[in-house]
PDB file of N, CA and C in Angstrom:
ATOM      1  N   MET A   1       9.081  -7.684  26.807  1.00  0.00           N
ATOM      2  CA  MET A   1       7.808  -8.088  26.234  1.00  0.00           C
ATOM      3  C   MET A   1       7.405  -7.187  25.071  1.00  0.00           C
ATOM      4  N   THR A   2       7.775  -5.928  25.109  1.00  0.00           N
ATOM      5  CA  THR A   2       7.420  -4.998  24.040  1.00  0.00           C
ATOM      6  C   THR A   2       8.059  -5.416  22.720  1.00  0.00           C
ATOM      7  N   ALA A   3       9.298  -5.881  22.765  1.00  0.00           N
ATOM      8  CA  ALA A   3       9.978  -6.304  21.538  1.00  0.00           C
ATOM      9  C   ALA A   3       9.254  -7.481  20.890  1.00  0.00           C
ATOM     10  N   VAL A   4       8.730  -8.377  21.721  1.00  0.00           N
ATOM     11  CA  VAL A   4       7.983  -9.528  21.198  1.00  0.00           C
ATOM     12  C   VAL A   4       6.700  -9.053  20.521  1.00  0.00           C
ATOM     13  N   ARG A   5       6.001  -8.117  21.148  1.00  0.00           N
ATOM     14  CA  ARG A   5       4.772  -7.582  20.549  1.00  0.00           C
ATOM     15  C   ARG A   5       5.051  -6.896  19.227  1.00  0.00           C
ATOM     16  N   GLU A   6       6.128  -6.126  19.179  1.00  0.00           N
ATOM     17  CA  GLU A   6       6.489  -5.428  17.936  1.00  0.00           C
ATOM     18  C   GLU A   6       6.834  -6.429  16.829  1.00  0.00           C
ATOM     19  N   THR A   7       7.515  -7.519  17.204  1.00  0.00           N
ATOM     20  CA  THR A   7       7.860  -8.544  16.222  1.00  0.00           C
ATOM     21  C   THR A   7       6.608  -9.220  15.687  1.00  0.00           C
ATOM     22  N   VAL A   8       5.682  -9.533  16.561  1.00  0.00           N
ATOM     23  CA  VAL A   8       4.412 -10.153  16.148  1.00  0.00           C
ATOM     24  C   VAL A   8       3.627  -9.188  15.276  1.00  0.00           C
ATOM     25  N   ARG A   9       3.580  -7.929  15.661  1.00  0.00           N
ATOM     26  CA  ARG A   9       2.861  -6.917  14.879  1.00  0.00           C
ATOM     27  C   ARG A   9       3.469  -6.775  13.486  1.00  0.00           C
ATOM     28  N   ALA A  10       4.799  -6.732  13.420  1.00  0.00           N
ATOM     29  CA  ALA A  10       5.475  -6.615  12.128  1.00  0.00           C
ATOM     30  C   ALA A  10       5.184  -7.827  11.248  1.00  0.00           C
ATOM     31  N   ARG A  11       5.163  -8.996  11.848  1.00  0.00           N
ATOM     32  CA  ARG A  11       4.855 -10.214  11.094  1.00  0.00           C
ATOM     33  C   ARG A  11       3.422 -10.168  10.579  1.00  0.00           C
ATOM     34  N   ASP A  12       2.485  -9.674  11.407  1.00  0.00           N
ATOM     35  CA  ASP A  12       1.095  -9.524  10.977  1.00  0.00           C
ATOM     36  C   ASP A  12       0.975  -8.539   9.821  1.00  0.00           C
ATOM     37  N   CYS A  13       1.755  -7.467   9.869  1.00  0.00           N
ATOM     38  CA  CYS A  13       1.734  -6.471   8.791  1.00  0.00           C
ATOM     39  C   CYS A  13       2.245  -7.069   7.487  1.00  0.00           C
ATOM     40  N   VAL A  14       3.299  -7.855   7.562  1.00  0.00           N
ATOM     41  CA  VAL A  14       3.840  -8.500   6.360  1.00  0.00           C
ATOM     42  C   VAL A  14       2.789  -9.433   5.764  1.00  0.00           C
ATOM     43  N   ARG A  15       2.131 -10.207   6.600  1.00  0.00           N
ATOM     44  CA  ARG A  15       1.076 -11.110   6.114  1.00  0.00           C
ATOM     45  C   ARG A  15      -0.071 -10.332   5.482  1.00  0.00           C
ATOM     46  N   ALA A  16      -0.466  -9.243   6.112  1.00  0.00           N
ATOM     47  CA  ALA A  16      -1.572  -8.436   5.590  1.00  0.00           C
ATOM     48  C   ALA A  16      -1.207  -7.835   4.237  1.00  0.00           C
ATOM     49  N   ARG A  17       0.005  -7.372   4.104  1.00  0.00           N
ATOM     50  CA  ARG A  17       0.424  -6.766   2.833  1.00  0.00           C
ATOM     51  C   ARG A  17       0.516  -7.811   1.733  1.00  0.00           C
ATOM     52  N   ARG A  18       0.914  -9.014   2.075  1.00  0.00           N
ATOM     53  CA  ARG A  18       0.905 -10.107   1.085  1.00  0.00           C
ATOM     54  C   ARG A  18      -0.529 -10.454   0.695  1.00  0.00           C
ATOM     55  N   ALA A  19      -1.418 -10.495   1.682  1.00  0.00           N
ATOM     56  CA  ALA A  19      -2.823 -10.782   1.396  1.00  0.00           C
ATOM     57  C   ALA A  19      -3.425  -9.699   0.507  1.00  0.00           C
ATOM     58  N   HIS A  20      -3.067  -8.453   0.766  1.00  0.00           N
ATOM     59  CA  HIS A  20      -3.570  -7.352  -0.061  1.00  0.00           C
ATOM     60  C   HIS A  20      -3.104  -7.509  -1.505  1.00  0.00           C
ATOM     61  N   SER A  21      -1.889  -7.934  -1.690  1.00  0.00           N
ATOM     62  CA  SER A  21      -1.370  -8.174  -3.032  1.00  0.00           C
ATOM     63  C   SER A  21      -2.188  -9.260  -3.732  1.00  0.00           C
ATOM     64  N   LEU A  22      -2.529 -10.311  -2.995  1.00  0.00           N
ATOM     65  CA  LEU A  22      -3.355 -11.379  -3.561  1.00  0.00           C
ATOM     66  C   LEU A  22      -4.741 -10.864  -3.938  1.00  0.00           C
ATOM     67  N   VAL A  23      -5.291 -10.003  -3.088  1.00  0.00           N
ATOM     68  CA  VAL A  23      -6.610  -9.412  -3.380  1.00  0.00           C
ATOM     69  C   VAL A  23      -6.533  -8.592  -4.658  1.00  0.00           C
ATOM     70  N   LEU A  24      -5.526  -7.758  -4.772  1.00  0.00           N
ATOM     71  CA  LEU A  24      -5.382  -6.924  -5.971  1.00  0.00           C
ATOM     72  C   LEU A  24      -5.217  -7.764  -7.232  1.00  0.00           C
ATOM     73  N   ASP A  25      -4.560  -8.897  -7.100  1.00  0.00           N
ATOM     74  CA  ASP A  25      -4.353  -9.779  -8.248  1.00  0.00           C
ATOM     75  C   ASP A  25      -5.554 -10.685  -8.514  1.00  0.00           C
ATOM     76  N   GLY A  26      -6.548 -10.637  -7.622  1.00  0.00           N
ATOM     77  CA  GLY A  26      -7.757 -11.438  -7.811  1.00  0.00           C
ATOM     78  C   GLY A  26      -7.594 -12.907  -7.498  1.00  0.00           C
ATOM     79  N   VAL A  27      -6.607 -13.246  -6.687  1.00  0.00           N
ATOM     80  CA  VAL A  27      -6.368 -14.660  -6.386  1.00  0.00           C
ATOM     81  C   VAL A  27      -6.455 -14.966  -4.883  1.00  0.00           C
ATOM     82  N   ALA A  28      -6.978 -14.033  -4.103  1.00  0.00           N
ATOM     83  CA  ALA A  28      -7.055 -14.228  -2.647  1.00  0.00           C
ATOM     84  C   ALA A  28      -8.203 -15.177  -2.307  1.00  0.00           C
ATOM     85  N   GLY A  29      -7.958 -16.010  -1.324  1.00  0.00           N
ATOM     86  CA  GLY A  29      -9.009 -16.862  -0.807  1.00  0.00           C
ATOM     87  C   GLY A  29      -9.833 -16.113   0.236  1.00  0.00           C
ATOM     88  N   CYS A  30     -10.929 -16.708   0.637  1.00  0.00           N
ATOM     89  CA  CYS A  30     -11.799 -16.069   1.643  1.00  0.00           C
ATOM     90  C   CYS A  30     -11.056 -15.798   2.939  1.00  0.00           C
ATOM     91  N   ASP A  31     -10.221 -16.742   3.355  1.00  0.00           N
ATOM     92  CA  ASP A  31      -9.453 -16.558   4.596  1.00  0.00           C
ATOM     93  C   ASP A  31      -8.515 -15.357   4.495  1.00  0.00           C
ATOM     94  N   ASP A  32      -7.909 -15.183   3.317  1.00  0.00           N
ATOM     95  CA  ASP A  32      -7.015 -14.039   3.116  1.00  0.00           C
ATOM     96  C   ASP A  32      -7.775 -12.729   3.225  1.00  0.00           C
ATOM     97  N   VAL A  33      -8.948 -12.679   2.622  1.00  0.00           N
ATOM     98  CA  VAL A  33      -9.750 -11.456   2.631  1.00  0.00           C
ATOM     99  C   VAL A  33     -10.199 -11.118   4.040  1.00  0.00           C
ATOM    100  N   VAL A  34     -10.653 -12.101   4.777  1.00  0.00           N
ATOM    101  CA  VAL A  34     -11.107 -11.875   6.155  1.00  0.00           C
ATOM    102  C   VAL A  34      -9.936 -11.437   7.041  1.00  0.00           C
ATOM    103  N   ALA A  35      -8.806 -12.106   6.916  1.00  0.00           N
ATOM    104  CA  ALA A  35      -7.630 -11.735   7.717  1.00  0.00           C
ATOM    105  C   ALA A  35      -7.165 -10.324   7.379  1.00  0.00           C
ATOM    106  N   LEU A  36      -7.188  -9.980   6.102  1.00  0.00           N
ATOM    107  CA  LEU A  36      -6.785  -8.638   5.693  1.00  0.00           C
ATOM    108  C   LEU A  36      -7.733  -7.593   6.265  1.00  0.00           C
ATOM    109  N   ALA A  37      -9.020  -7.808   6.129  1.00  0.00           N
ATOM    110  CA  ALA A  37      -9.996  -6.844   6.641  1.00  0.00           C
ATOM    111  C   ALA A  37      -9.854  -6.664   8.144  1.00  0.00           C
ATOM    112  N   THR A  38      -9.653  -7.744   8.860  1.00  0.00           N
ATOM    113  CA  THR A  38      -9.480  -7.681  10.309  1.00  0.00           C
ATOM    114  C   THR A  38      -8.233  -6.873  10.660  1.00  0.00           C
ATOM    115  N   HIS A  39      -7.146  -7.136   9.956  1.00  0.00           N
ATOM    116  CA  HIS A  39      -5.901  -6.426  10.238  1.00  0.00           C
ATOM    117  C   HIS A  39      -6.024  -4.943   9.902  1.00  0.00           C
ATOM    118  N   LEU A  40      -6.621  -4.627   8.762  1.00  0.00           N
ATOM    119  CA  LEU A  40      -6.741  -3.230   8.350  1.00  0.00           C
ATOM    120  C   LEU A  40      -7.627  -2.432   9.314  1.00  0.00           C
ATOM    121  N   ASP A  41      -8.566  -3.107   9.951  1.00  0.00           N
ATOM    122  CA  ASP A  41      -9.416  -2.425  10.945  1.00  0.00           C
ATOM    123  C   ASP A  41      -8.606  -1.883  12.112  1.00  0.00           C
ATOM    124  N   ARG A  42      -7.483  -2.551  12.440  1.00  0.00           N
ATOM    125  CA  ARG A  42      -6.735  -2.117  13.612  1.00  0.00           C
ATOM    126  C   ARG A  42      -5.346  -1.562  13.318  1.00  0.00           C
ATOM    127  N   CYS A  43      -4.940  -1.545  12.047  1.00  0.00           N
ATOM    128  CA  CYS A  43      -3.575  -1.089  11.739  1.00  0.00           C
ATOM    129  C   CYS A  43      -3.612   0.077  10.755  1.00  0.00           C
ATOM    130  N   GLU A  44      -3.385   1.260  11.276  1.00  0.00           N
ATOM    131  CA  GLU A  44      -3.406   2.472  10.455  1.00  0.00           C
ATOM    132  C   GLU A  44      -2.301   2.457   9.402  1.00  0.00           C
ATOM    133  N   SER A  45      -1.139   1.969   9.761  1.00  0.00           N
ATOM    134  CA  SER A  45      -0.020   1.917   8.830  1.00  0.00           C
ATOM    135  C   SER A  45      -0.356   1.064   7.605  1.00  0.00           C
ATOM    136  N   CYS A  46      -0.929  -0.084   7.822  1.00  0.00           N
ATOM    137  CA  CYS A  46      -1.277  -0.968   6.707  1.00  0.00           C
ATOM    138  C   CYS A  46      -2.460  -0.419   5.900  1.00  0.00           C
ATOM    139  N   ARG A  47      -3.374   0.290   6.564  1.00  0.00           N
ATOM    140  CA  ARG A  47      -4.465   0.934   5.811  1.00  0.00           C
ATOM    141  C   ARG A  47      -3.894   1.944   4.825  1.00  0.00           C
ATOM    142  N   GLY A  48      -2.945   2.756   5.281  1.00  0.00           N
ATOM    143  CA  GLY A  48      -2.304   3.725   4.402  1.00  0.00           C
ATOM    144  C   GLY A  48      -1.546   3.045   3.279  1.00  0.00           C
ATOM    145  N   HIS A  49      -0.829   2.001   3.615  1.00  0.00           N
ATOM    146  CA  HIS A  49      -0.088   1.245   2.605  1.00  0.00           C
ATOM    147  C   HIS A  49      -1.049   0.654   1.579  1.00  0.00           C
ATOM    148  N   ALA A  50      -2.143   0.084   2.045  1.00  0.00           N
ATOM    149  CA  ALA A  50      -3.127  -0.516   1.132  1.00  0.00           C
ATOM    150  C   ALA A  50      -3.723   0.531   0.204  1.00  0.00           C
ATOM    151  N   ARG A  51      -4.008   1.723   0.742  1.00  0.00           N
ATOM    152  CA  ARG A  51      -4.546   2.798  -0.118  1.00  0.00           C
ATOM    153  C   ARG A  51      -3.543   3.163  -1.205  1.00  0.00           C
ATOM    154  N   GLN A  52      -2.287   3.322  -0.826  1.00  0.00           N
ATOM    155  CA  GLN A  52      -1.264   3.715  -1.794  1.00  0.00           C
ATOM    156  C   GLN A  52      -1.044   2.650  -2.859  1.00  0.00           C
ATOM    157  N   VAL A  53      -0.930   1.417  -2.440  1.00  0.00           N
ATOM    158  CA  VAL A  53      -0.693   0.332  -3.391  1.00  0.00           C
ATOM    159  C   VAL A  53      -1.912   0.160  -4.301  1.00  0.00           C
ATOM    160  N   SER A  54      -3.098   0.313  -3.738  1.00  0.00           N
ATOM    161  CA  SER A  54      -4.311   0.212  -4.558  1.00  0.00           C
ATOM    162  C   SER A  54      -4.350   1.312  -5.610  1.00  0.00           C
ATOM    163  N   ARG A  55      -3.976   2.534  -5.208  1.00  0.00           N
ATOM    164  CA  ARG A  55      -3.943   3.652  -6.155  1.00  0.00           C
ATOM    165  C   ARG A  55      -2.963   3.402  -7.290  1.00  0.00           C
ATOM    166  N   VAL A  56      -1.767   2.968  -6.936  1.00  0.00           N
ATOM    167  CA  VAL A  56      -0.756   2.709  -7.953  1.00  0.00           C
ATOM    168  C   VAL A  56      -1.204   1.578  -8.875  1.00  0.00           C
ATOM    169  N   THR A  57      -1.759   0.531  -8.304  1.00  0.00           N
ATOM    170  CA  THR A  57      -2.247  -0.596  -9.105  1.00  0.00           C
ATOM    171  C   THR A  57      -3.334  -0.139 -10.062  1.00  0.00           C
ATOM    172  N   TYR A  58      -4.265   0.662  -9.550  1.00  0.00           N
ATOM    173  CA  TYR A  58      -5.339   1.180 -10.401  1.00  0.00           C
ATOM    174  C   TYR A  58      -4.767   2.025 -11.546  1.00  0.00           C
ATOM    175  N   LEU A  59      -3.839   2.910 -11.211  1.00  0.00           N
ATOM    176  CA  LEU A  59      -3.243   3.761 -12.243  1.00  0.00           C
ATOM    177  C   LEU A  59      -2.517   2.937 -13.308  1.00  0.00           C
ATOM    178  N   LEU A  60      -1.745   1.978 -12.867  1.00  0.00           N
ATOM    179  CA  LEU A  60      -1.019   1.148 -13.822  1.00  0.00           C
ATOM    180  C   LEU A  60      -1.962   0.391 -14.734  1.00  0.00           C
ATOM    181  N   ARG A  61      -3.008  -0.162 -14.152  1.00  0.00           N
ATOM    182  CA  ARG A  61      -3.937  -0.947 -14.966  1.00  0.00           C
ATOM    183  C   ARG A  61      -4.790  -0.073 -15.877  1.00  0.00           C
ATOM    184  N   SER A  62      -5.156   1.102 -15.408  1.00  0.00           N
ATOM    185  CA  SER A  62      -6.009   1.966 -16.228  1.00  0.00           C
ATOM    186  C   SER A  62      -5.248   2.606 -17.381  1.00  0.00           C
ATOM    187  N   LEU A  63      -3.956   2.819 -17.204  1.00  0.00           N
ATOM    188  CA  LEU A  63      -3.166   3.426 -18.262  1.00  0.00           C
ATOM    189  C   LEU A  63      -2.733   2.426 -19.326  1.00  0.00           C
ATOM    190  N   ARG A  64      -2.814   1.166 -18.991  1.00  0.00           N
ATOM    191  CA  ARG A  64      -2.344   0.125 -19.901  1.00  0.00           C
ATOM    192  C   ARG A  64      -0.947   0.477 -20.426  1.00  0.00           C
ATOM    193  N   LEU A  65      -0.133   0.863 -19.478  1.00  0.00           N
ATOM    194  CA  LEU A  65       1.226   1.311 -19.763  1.00  0.00           C
ATOM    195  C   LEU A  65       2.077   0.148 -20.252  1.00  0.00           C
ATOM    196  N   ASP A  66       2.831   0.392 -21.270  1.00  0.00           N
ATOM    197  CA  ASP A  66       3.734  -0.615 -21.812  1.00  0.00           C
ATOM    198  C   ASP A  66       5.072  -0.509 -21.081  1.00  0.00           C
ATOM    199  N   PRO A  67       5.371  -1.459 -20.189  1.00  0.00           N
ATOM    200  CA  PRO A  67       6.616  -1.369 -19.420  1.00  0.00           C
ATOM    201  C   PRO A  67       7.867  -1.464 -20.285  1.00  0.00           C
ATOM    202  N   SER A  68       7.720  -1.904 -21.525  1.00  0.00           N
ATOM    203  CA  SER A  68       8.899  -1.984 -22.390  1.00  0.00           C
ATOM    204  C   SER A  68       9.243  -0.627 -23.012  1.00  0.00           C
ATOM    205  N   ASP A  69       8.358   0.388 -22.824  1.00  0.00           N
ATOM    206  CA  ASP A  69       8.639   1.739 -23.300  1.00  0.00           C
ATOM    207  C   ASP A  69       9.274   2.516 -22.152  1.00  0.00           C
ATOM    208  N   PRO A  70      10.609   2.625 -22.118  1.00  0.00           N
ATOM    209  CA  PRO A  70      11.277   3.202 -20.950  1.00  0.00           C
ATOM    210  C   PRO A  70      10.935   4.666 -20.700  1.00  0.00           C
ATOM    211  N   VAL A  71      10.688   5.442 -21.730  1.00  0.00           N
ATOM    212  CA  VAL A  71      10.378   6.865 -21.540  1.00  0.00           C
ATOM    213  C   VAL A  71       9.007   7.024 -20.881  1.00  0.00           C
ATOM    214  N   ALA A  72       8.010   6.328 -21.393  1.00  0.00           N
ATOM    215  CA  ALA A  72       6.662   6.410 -20.822  1.00  0.00           C
ATOM    216  C   ALA A  72       6.651   5.879 -19.395  1.00  0.00           C
ATOM    217  N   PHE A  73       7.327   4.766 -19.179  1.00  0.00           N
ATOM    218  CA  PHE A  73       7.325   4.172 -17.851  1.00  0.00           C
ATOM    219  C   PHE A  73       8.050   5.058 -16.849  1.00  0.00           C
ATOM    220  N   ALA A  74       9.165   5.661 -17.239  1.00  0.00           N
ATOM    221  CA  ALA A  74       9.912   6.546 -16.341  1.00  0.00           C
ATOM    222  C   ALA A  74       9.075   7.767 -15.961  1.00  0.00           C
ATOM    223  N   GLY A  75       8.344   8.329 -16.915  1.00  0.00           N
ATOM    224  CA  GLY A  75       7.482   9.474 -16.620  1.00  0.00           C
ATOM    225  C   GLY A  75       6.384   9.115 -15.650  1.00  0.00           C
ATOM    226  N   PHE A  76       5.771   7.951 -15.870  1.00  0.00           N
ATOM    227  CA  PHE A  76       4.723   7.499 -14.957  1.00  0.00           C
ATOM    228  C   PHE A  76       5.289   7.265 -13.566  1.00  0.00           C
ATOM    229  N   TYR A  77       6.424   6.599 -13.488  1.00  0.00           N
ATOM    230  CA  TYR A  77       7.074   6.301 -12.216  1.00  0.00           C
ATOM    231  C   TYR A  77       7.369   7.585 -11.450  1.00  0.00           C
ATOM    232  N   GLN A  78       7.853   8.591 -12.147  1.00  0.00           N
ATOM    233  CA  GLN A  78       8.157   9.869 -11.502  1.00  0.00           C
ATOM    234  C   GLN A  78       6.881  10.521 -10.957  1.00  0.00           C
ATOM    235  N   ARG A  79       5.792  10.482 -11.700  1.00  0.00           N
ATOM    236  CA  ARG A  79       4.532  11.072 -11.227  1.00  0.00           C
ATOM    237  C   ARG A  79       4.002  10.347  -9.992  1.00  0.00           C
ATOM    238  N   VAL A  80       4.139   9.022  -9.968  1.00  0.00           N
ATOM    239  CA  VAL A  80       3.685   8.248  -8.800  1.00  0.00           C
ATOM    240  C   VAL A  80       4.469   8.664  -7.564  1.00  0.00           C
ATOM    241  N   TRP A  81       5.778   8.780  -7.676  1.00  0.00           N
ATOM    242  CA  TRP A  81       6.589   9.161  -6.523  1.00  0.00           C
ATOM    243  C   TRP A  81       6.319  10.596  -6.099  1.00  0.00           C
ATOM    244  N   GLN A  82       5.974  11.461  -7.022  1.00  0.00           N
ATOM    245  CA  GLN A  82       5.584  12.827  -6.657  1.00  0.00           C
ATOM    246  C   GLN A  82       4.313  12.802  -5.818  1.00  0.00           C
ATOM    247  N   LEU A  83       3.366  11.955  -6.186  1.00  0.00           N
ATOM    248  CA  LEU A  83       2.137  11.834  -5.397  1.00  0.00           C
ATOM    249  C   LEU A  83       2.436  11.332  -3.991  1.00  0.00           C
ATOM    250  N   PHE A  84       3.294  10.312  -3.880  1.00  0.00           N
ATOM    251  CA  PHE A  84       3.658   9.802  -2.558  1.00  0.00           C
ATOM    252  C   PHE A  84       4.322  10.886  -1.729  1.00  0.00           C
ATOM    253  N   PHE A  85       5.242  11.618  -2.333  1.00  0.00           N
ATOM    254  CA  PHE A  85       5.942  12.677  -1.622  1.00  0.00           C
ATOM    255  C   PHE A  85       4.951  13.735  -1.133  1.00  0.00           C
ATOM    256  N   CYS A  86       4.032  14.151  -1.998  1.00  0.00           N
ATOM    257  CA  CYS A  86       3.032  15.154  -1.608  1.00  0.00           C
ATOM    258  C   CYS A  86       2.189  14.657  -0.440  1.00  0.00           C
ATOM    259  N   GLU A  87       1.818  13.383  -0.471  1.00  0.00           N
ATOM    260  CA  GLU A  87       1.015  12.835   0.625  1.00  0.00           C
ATOM    261  C   GLU A  87       1.787  12.883   1.935  1.00  0.00           C
ATOM    262  N   TYR A  88       3.060  12.532   1.905  1.00  0.00           N
ATOM    263  CA  TYR A  88       3.858  12.571   3.132  1.00  0.00           C
ATOM    264  C   TYR A  88       4.033  14.000   3.640  1.00  0.00           C
ATOM    265  N   VAL A  89       4.186  14.939   2.754  1.00  0.00           N
ATOM    266  CA  VAL A  89       4.317  16.341   3.160  1.00  0.00           C
ATOM    267  C   VAL A  89       3.021  16.818   3.819  1.00  0.00           C
ATOM    268  N   VAL A  90       1.885  16.491   3.212  1.00  0.00           N
ATOM    269  CA  VAL A  90       0.602  16.921   3.766  1.00  0.00           C
ATOM    270  C   VAL A  90       0.350  16.293   5.127  1.00  0.00           C
ATOM    271  N   VAL A  91       0.628  14.998   5.248  1.00  0.00           N
ATOM    272  CA  VAL A  91       0.401  14.311   6.533  1.00  0.00           C
ATOM    273  C   VAL A  91       1.319  14.894   7.608  1.00  0.00           C
ATOM    274  N   THR A  92       2.575  15.117   7.271  1.00  0.00           N
ATOM    275  CA  THR A  92       3.517  15.694   8.228  1.00  0.00           C
ATOM    276  C   THR A  92       3.090  17.098   8.639  1.00  0.00           C
ATOM    277  N   ALA A  93       2.688  17.904   7.673  1.00  0.00           N
ATOM    278  CA  ALA A  93       2.237  19.264   7.982  1.00  0.00           C
ATOM    279  C   ALA A  93       0.997  19.248   8.869  1.00  0.00           C
ATOM    280  N   ALA A  94       0.069  18.349   8.567  1.00  0.00           N
ATOM    281  CA  ALA A  94      -1.149  18.248   9.386  1.00  0.00           C
ATOM    282  C   ALA A  94      -0.814  17.828  10.810  1.00  0.00           C
ATOM    283  N   TYR A  95       0.150  16.929  10.964  1.00  0.00           N
ATOM    284  CA  TYR A  95       0.573  16.505  12.291  1.00  0.00           C
ATOM    285  C   TYR A  95       1.214  17.671  13.067  1.00  0.00           C
ATOM    286  N   LEU A  96       2.070  18.408  12.393  1.00  0.00           N
ATOM    287  CA  LEU A  96       2.762  19.503  13.051  1.00  0.00           C
ATOM    288  C   LEU A  96       1.827  20.636  13.429  1.00  0.00           C
ATOM    289  N   VAL A  97       0.827  20.887  12.587  1.00  0.00           N
ATOM    290  CA  VAL A  97      -0.132  21.951  12.860  1.00  0.00           C
ATOM    291  C   VAL A  97      -1.050  21.553  14.012  1.00  0.00           C
ATOM    292  N   GLY A  98      -1.335  20.297  14.087  1.00  0.00           N
ATOM    293  CA  GLY A  98      -2.142  19.830  15.220  1.00  0.00           C
ATOM    294  C   GLY A  98      -3.410  19.317  14.770  1.00  0.00           C
TER     295      GLY A  98
END
């Protein structure tokens, strides 16, 4: 029974992440927004994912980065991954410390 629950949970997470993408793009319907909010209330993993994707989306849109400029885009991409890495290090350290 646990495997079935995990499969259902994973499917719910995939749906929530798709809904979040629609919200960020401004094309989500009311049902998508309500389902996303409900899921994020109970899923810590998806809340973290939503925060990260929202941050990256905000950064990309605020910089008005030209994706056809490979040097600028590569530098931005590297900085984003450094932020993700730092967040994982901090969360892991906080968990280990207690």
